[in-house]
C-alpha atoms as a PDB file:
ATOM      1  CA  UNK A   1       4.434 -56.724  51.261  1.00  0.00           C
ATOM      2  CA  UNK A   2       4.178 -58.015  47.684  1.00  0.00           C
ATOM      3  CA  UNK A   3       2.288 -54.891  46.638  1.00  0.00           C
ATOM      4  CA  UNK A   4       4.948 -52.649  48.148  1.00  0.00           C
ATOM      5  CA  UNK A   5       7.721 -54.427  46.204  1.00  0.00           C
ATOM      6  CA  UNK A   6       5.602 -54.245  43.050  1.00  0.00           C
ATOM      7  CA  UNK A   7       5.083 -50.501  43.568  1.00  0.00           C
ATOM      8  CA  UNK A   8       8.833 -49.881  43.985  1.00  0.00           C
ATOM      9  CA  UNK A   9       9.636 -51.979  40.901  1.00  0.00           C
ATOM     10  CA  UNK A  10       7.010 -50.125  38.870  1.00  0.00           C
ATOM     11  CA  UNK A  11       8.293 -46.752  40.063  1.00  0.00           C
ATOM     12  CA  UNK A  12      11.921 -47.450  39.179  1.00  0.00           C
ATOM     13  CA  UNK A  13      11.031 -49.178  35.893  1.00  0.00           C
ATOM     14  CA  UNK A  14       9.050 -46.155  34.792  1.00  0.00           C
ATOM     15  CA  UNK A  15      11.739 -43.800  36.067  1.00  0.00           C
ATOM     16  CA  UNK A  16      14.681 -45.438  34.290  1.00  0.00           C
ATOM     17  CA  UNK A  17      13.109 -47.287  31.338  1.00  0.00           C
ATOM     18  CA  UNK A  18      10.004 -45.214  30.694  1.00  0.00           C
ATOM     19  CA  UNK A  19       7.751 -48.320  30.612  1.00  0.00           C
ATOM     20  CA  UNK A  20       6.695 -51.271  32.688  1.00  0.00           C
ATOM     21  CA  UNK A  21       8.284 -54.647  31.966  1.00  0.00           C
ATOM     22  CA  UNK A  22       6.019 -57.238  30.285  1.00  0.00           C
ATOM     23  CA  UNK A  23       5.901 -59.544  33.351  1.00  0.00           C
ATOM     24  CA  UNK A  24       4.709 -56.673  35.546  1.00  0.00           C
ATOM     25  CA  UNK A  25       1.974 -55.553  33.092  1.00  0.00           C
ATOM     26  CA  UNK A  26       0.581 -59.083  32.908  1.00  0.00           C
ATOM     27  CA  UNK A  27       0.769 -59.455  36.735  1.00  0.00           C
ATOM     28  CA  UNK A  28      -1.140 -56.182  37.149  1.00  0.00           C
ATOM     29  CA  UNK A  29      -3.669 -57.223  34.510  1.00  0.00           C
ATOM     30  CA  UNK A  30      -2.768 -54.398  32.160  1.00  0.00           C
ATOM     31  CA  UNK A  31      -2.643 -54.703  28.421  1.00  0.00           C
ATOM     32  CA  UNK A  32       0.079 -53.234  26.287  1.00  0.00           C
ATOM     33  CA  UNK A  33      -1.080 -51.223  23.382  1.00  0.00           C
ATOM     34  CA  UNK A  34       0.913 -48.993  21.119  1.00  0.00           C
ATOM     35  CA  UNK A  35       0.988 -45.331  21.933  1.00  0.00           C
ATOM     36  CA  UNK A  36      -1.342 -43.321  19.736  1.00  0.00           C
ATOM     37  CA  UNK A  37       0.417 -41.797  16.774  1.00  0.00           C
ATOM     38  CA  UNK A  38      -0.448 -38.127  16.423  1.00  0.00           C
ATOM     39  CA  UNK A  39      -1.839 -37.270  13.010  1.00  0.00           C
ATOM     40  CA  UNK A  40       0.578 -35.662  10.619  1.00  0.00           C
ATOM     41  CA  UNK A  41       0.164 -31.887  10.568  1.00  0.00           C
ATOM     42  CA  UNK A  42      -1.734 -30.615   7.584  1.00  0.00           C
ATOM     43  CA  UNK A  43       0.348 -28.600   5.158  1.00  0.00           C
ATOM     44  CA  UNK A  44      -0.540 -24.914   5.132  1.00  0.00           C
ATOM     45  CA  UNK A  45      -3.046 -24.042   2.444  1.00  0.00           C
ATOM     46  CA  UNK A  46      -1.637 -22.644  -0.749  1.00  0.00           C
ATOM     47  CA  UNK A  47      -1.995 -18.869  -0.825  1.00  0.00           C
ATOM     48  CA  UNK A  48      -5.023 -17.779  -2.766  1.00  0.00           C
ATOM     49  CA  UNK A  49      -4.014 -15.293  -5.429  1.00  0.00           C
ATOM     50  CA  UNK A  50      -6.736 -12.813  -6.284  1.00  0.00           C
ATOM     51  CA  UNK A  51      -6.822 -10.581  -9.373  1.00  0.00           C
ATOM     52  CA  UNK A  52      -6.312  -7.511  -7.178  1.00  0.00           C
ATOM     53  CA  UNK A  53      -3.086  -8.818  -5.625  1.00  0.00           C
ATOM     54  CA  UNK A  54      -0.811  -7.675  -8.458  1.00  0.00           C
ATOM     55  CA  UNK A  55      -2.332  -4.190  -8.522  1.00  0.00           C
ATOM     56  CA  UNK A  56      -2.013  -3.793  -4.740  1.00  0.00           C
ATOM     57  CA  UNK A  57       1.516  -5.179  -4.837  1.00  0.00           C
ATOM     58  CA  UNK A  58       2.537  -2.681  -7.541  1.00  0.00           C
ATOM     59  CA  UNK A  59       0.915   0.217  -5.677  1.00  0.00           C
ATOM     60  CA  UNK A  60       2.720  -0.849  -2.498  1.00  0.00           C
ATOM     61  CA  UNK A  61       6.043  -0.962  -4.403  1.00  0.00           C
ATOM     62  CA  UNK A  62       5.456   2.502  -5.836  1.00  0.00           C
ATOM     63  CA  UNK A  63       4.652   3.849  -2.375  1.00  0.00           C
ATOM     64  CA  UNK A  64       7.599   2.159  -0.690  1.00  0.00           C
ATOM     65  CA  UNK A  65      10.183   3.190  -3.263  1.00  0.00           C
ATOM     66  CA  UNK A  66       8.775   6.421  -4.765  1.00  0.00           C
ATOM     67  CA  UNK A  67       6.312   7.655  -2.102  1.00  0.00           C
ATOM     68  CA  UNK A  68       3.710   8.016  -4.856  1.00  0.00           C
ATOM     69  CA  UNK A  69       0.693   7.887  -2.524  1.00  0.00           C
ATOM     70  CA  UNK A  70       2.221  10.505  -0.264  1.00  0.00           C
ATOM     71  CA  UNK A  71       2.661  12.738  -3.289  1.00  0.00           C
ATOM     72  CA  UNK A  72      -0.831  12.293  -4.765  1.00  0.00           C
ATOM     73  CA  UNK A  73      -2.769  12.211  -1.486  1.00  0.00           C
ATOM     74  CA  UNK A  74      -1.131  15.408  -0.189  1.00  0.00           C
ATOM     75  CA  UNK A  75      -2.994  18.711  -0.654  1.00  0.00           C
ATOM     76  CA  UNK A  76      -0.465  20.654  -2.736  1.00  0.00           C
ATOM     77  CA  UNK A  77      -2.427  23.930  -2.642  1.00  0.00           C
ATOM     78  CA  UNK A  78      -0.315  25.555   0.088  1.00  0.00           C
ATOM     79  CA  UNK A  79       2.991  24.750  -1.662  1.00  0.00           C
ATOM     80  CA  UNK A  80       4.743  26.871  -4.274  1.00  0.00           C
ATOM     81  CA  UNK A  81       5.199  25.640  -7.828  1.00  0.00           C
ATOM     82  CA  UNK A  82       8.924  25.222  -7.148  1.00  0.00           C
ATOM     83  CA  UNK A  83       8.249  22.980  -4.153  1.00  0.00           C
ATOM     84  CA  UNK A  84       5.729  20.875  -6.096  1.00  0.00           C
ATOM     85  CA  UNK A  85       8.104  20.652  -9.044  1.00  0.00           C
ATOM     86  CA  UNK A  86      10.974  19.472  -6.843  1.00  0.00           C
ATOM     87  CA  UNK A  87       8.781  16.819  -5.230  1.00  0.00           C
ATOM     88  CA  UNK A  88       7.410  15.736  -8.629  1.00  0.00           C
ATOM     89  CA  UNK A  89      10.932  15.357 -10.009  1.00  0.00           C
ATOM     90  CA  UNK A  90      11.890  13.014  -7.157  1.00  0.00           C
ATOM     91  CA  UNK A  91       8.658  10.961  -7.424  1.00  0.00           C
ATOM     92  CA  UNK A  92       9.049  10.796 -11.229  1.00  0.00           C
ATOM     93  CA  UNK A  93      12.629   9.510 -11.040  1.00  0.00           C
ATOM     94  CA  UNK A  94      11.880   6.845  -8.436  1.00  0.00           C
ATOM     95  CA  UNK A  95       8.637   5.740 -10.123  1.00  0.00           C
ATOM     96  CA  UNK A  96      10.478   5.382 -13.430  1.00  0.00           C
ATOM     97  CA  UNK A  97      13.099   3.203 -11.725  1.00  0.00           C
ATOM     98  CA  UNK A  98      10.381   0.888 -10.347  1.00  0.00           C
ATOM     99  CA  UNK A  99       8.651   0.611 -13.736  1.00  0.00           C
ATOM    100  CA  UNK A 100      11.880  -0.061 -15.633  1.00  0.00           C
ATOM    101  CA  UNK A 101      13.045  -2.631 -13.074  1.00  0.00           C
ATOM    102  CA  UNK A 102       9.790  -4.601 -12.921  1.00  0.00           C
ATOM    103  CA  UNK A 103       8.244  -4.162 -16.405  1.00  0.00           C
ATOM    104  CA  UNK A 104      11.012  -3.053 -18.800  1.00  0.00           C
ATOM    105  CA  UNK A 105       8.662  -0.877 -20.893  1.00  0.00           C
ATOM    106  CA  UNK A 106       9.530  -0.381 -24.541  1.00  0.00           C
ATOM    107  CA  UNK A 107       7.827   1.678 -27.256  1.00  0.00           C
ATOM    108  CA  UNK A 108       5.337  -0.116 -29.505  1.00  0.00           C
ATOM    109  CA  UNK A 109       6.647   1.849 -32.503  1.00  0.00           C
ATOM    110  CA  UNK A 110      10.231   2.979 -31.989  1.00  0.00           C
ATOM    111  CA  UNK A 111      10.144   6.200 -34.005  1.00  0.00           C
ATOM    112  CA  UNK A 112      10.112   9.927 -33.335  1.00  0.00           C
ATOM    113  CA  UNK A 113       6.696  11.333 -32.499  1.00  0.00           C
ATOM    114  CA  UNK A 114       5.528  13.644 -35.286  1.00  0.00           C
ATOM    115  CA  UNK A 115       7.221  11.566 -38.000  1.00  0.00           C
ATOM    116  CA  UNK A 116       5.394   9.462 -40.588  1.00  0.00           C
ATOM    117  CA  UNK A 117       4.867   5.886 -39.474  1.00  0.00           C
ATOM    118  CA  UNK A 118       3.502   2.846 -41.266  1.00  0.00           C
ATOM    119  CA  UNK A 119       2.694  -0.023 -38.937  1.00  0.00           C
ATOM    120  CA  UNK A 120       3.388  -3.450 -40.375  1.00  0.00           C
ATOM    121  CA  UNK A 121       0.926  -6.282 -40.433  1.00  0.00           C
ATOM    122  CA  UNK A 122       0.624  -6.468 -36.671  1.00  0.00           C
ATOM    123  CA  UNK A 123      -1.919  -7.083 -33.974  1.00  0.00           C
ATOM    124  CA  UNK A 124      -4.647  -4.423 -34.157  1.00  0.00           C
ATOM    125  CA  UNK A 125      -4.317  -3.900 -30.387  1.00  0.00           C
ATOM    126  CA  UNK A 126      -0.839  -2.438 -30.908  1.00  0.00           C
ATOM    127  CA  UNK A 127      -2.021   0.622 -32.845  1.00  0.00           C
ATOM    128  CA  UNK A 128      -4.936   2.973 -32.199  1.00  0.00           C
ATOM    129  CA  UNK A 129      -5.849   5.092 -35.204  1.00  0.00           C
ATOM    130  CA  UNK A 130      -7.087   8.618 -34.464  1.00  0.00           C
ATOM    131  CA  UNK A 131      -8.211  11.478 -36.664  1.00  0.00           C
ATOM    132  CA  UNK A 132      -9.806  11.021 -40.103  1.00  0.00           C
ATOM    133  CA  UNK A 133      -9.914   7.206 -40.099  1.00  0.00           C
ATOM    134  CA  UNK A 134     -11.681   5.602 -43.109  1.00  0.00           C
ATOM    135  CA  UNK A 135     -14.790   3.609 -42.246  1.00  0.00           C
ATOM    136  CA  UNK A 136     -13.624   0.534 -44.113  1.00  0.00           C
ATOM    137  CA  UNK A 137     -10.208  -1.018 -43.981  1.00  0.00           C
ATOM    138  CA  UNK A 138      -7.059  -0.162 -42.145  1.00  0.00           C
ATOM    139  CA  UNK A 139      -5.393   3.120 -43.085  1.00  0.00           C
ATOM    140  CA  UNK A 140      -1.827   3.105 -44.306  1.00  0.00           C
ATOM    141  CA  UNK A 141       0.742   5.595 -43.129  1.00  0.00           C
ATOM    142  CA  UNK A 142       0.010   8.424 -40.737  1.00  0.00           C
ATOM    143  CA  UNK A 143       1.672  10.823 -38.344  1.00  0.00           C
ATOM    144  CA  UNK A 144       2.892   9.154 -35.171  1.00  0.00           C
ATOM    145  CA  UNK A 145       1.274  11.039 -32.289  1.00  0.00           C
ATOM    146  CA  UNK A 146       2.233   8.613 -29.500  1.00  0.00           C
ATOM    147  CA  UNK A 147       4.748   5.766 -29.646  1.00  0.00           C
ATOM    148  CA  UNK A 148       2.737   3.594 -27.271  1.00  0.00           C
ATOM    149  CA  UNK A 149       4.187   1.326 -24.606  1.00  0.00           C
ATOM    150  CA  UNK A 150       4.421  -2.401 -24.083  1.00  0.00           C
ATOM    151  CA  UNK A 151       5.845  -4.367 -21.170  1.00  0.00           C
ATOM    152  CA  UNK A 152       8.747  -6.580 -22.175  1.00  0.00           C
ATOM    153  CA  UNK A 153       8.927  -8.176 -18.704  1.00  0.00           C
ATOM    154  CA  UNK A 154       6.804  -8.535 -15.598  1.00  0.00           C
ATOM    155  CA  UNK A 155       8.704  -9.474 -12.473  1.00  0.00           C
ATOM    156  CA  UNK A 156       7.048  -8.542  -9.216  1.00  0.00           C
ATOM    157  CA  UNK A 157       8.398 -10.015  -5.967  1.00  0.00           C
ATOM    158  CA  UNK A 158       6.923 -13.368  -4.956  1.00  0.00           C
ATOM    159  CA  UNK A 159       3.845 -13.098  -2.766  1.00  0.00           C
ATOM    160  CA  UNK A 160       3.675 -14.822   0.601  1.00  0.00           C
ATOM    161  CA  UNK A 161       0.524 -15.905   2.367  1.00  0.00           C
ATOM    162  CA  UNK A 162       1.468 -13.704   5.347  1.00  0.00           C
ATOM    163  CA  UNK A 163       1.465 -10.485   3.329  1.00  0.00           C
ATOM    164  CA  UNK A 164      -1.467  -8.155   3.786  1.00  0.00           C
ATOM    165  CA  UNK A 165      -1.419  -6.403   0.429  1.00  0.00           C
ATOM    166  CA  UNK A 166      -4.043  -3.877   1.498  1.00  0.00           C
ATOM    167  CA  UNK A 167      -1.427  -2.241   3.741  1.00  0.00           C
ATOM    168  CA  UNK A 168       0.290  -0.116   1.098  1.00  0.00           C
ATOM    169  CA  UNK A 169       2.507   1.649   3.632  1.00  0.00           C
ATOM    170  CA  UNK A 170       2.506   1.084   7.378  1.00  0.00           C
ATOM    171  CA  UNK A 171       2.168   4.049   9.682  1.00  0.00           C
ATOM    172  CA  UNK A 172       5.476   5.253  11.085  1.00  0.00           C
ATOM    173  CA  UNK A 173       5.859   6.308  14.706  1.00  0.00           C
ATOM    174  CA  UNK A 174       9.121   7.784  15.916  1.00  0.00           C
ATOM    175  CA  UNK A 175       9.981   6.840  19.460  1.00  0.00           C
ATOM    176  CA  UNK A 176      12.174   9.286  21.364  1.00  0.00           C
END
């Protein structure tokens, strides 16, 4: 009879309190030990940024906003010059918008091409001399053939670890 009373007490104690009282655990010869604490979850690893990520991200942006891959990967042979020109105008405008928004390009030398230009004492990487360049020393003035470009900003969207940058544009399936 004692075991039956003990069983009922244990049942209702576990049902309403979620644990056995201390007197019952000692009577049953059980020891109380703390519940195991689950280990803290490990933080997700920091995303590994590879040198190719920026290039793939930019190409994905140009595809998403200007459809540049669609334009260049399409065989334009069957299309008329007018059709190609119209498509090129649209791709040009949208690509320019992406470049201006994310890189803010500015000319290296802000002068009219074909005019005489004299670069100041600047970084040699800013100017490429072409034509009859003397073997020794830096030439002085010359005719500006190309203004050059430099990025005054670089602001691509933040990368997430869930992004698969190799997917430049997902396939599209229309469901009817």
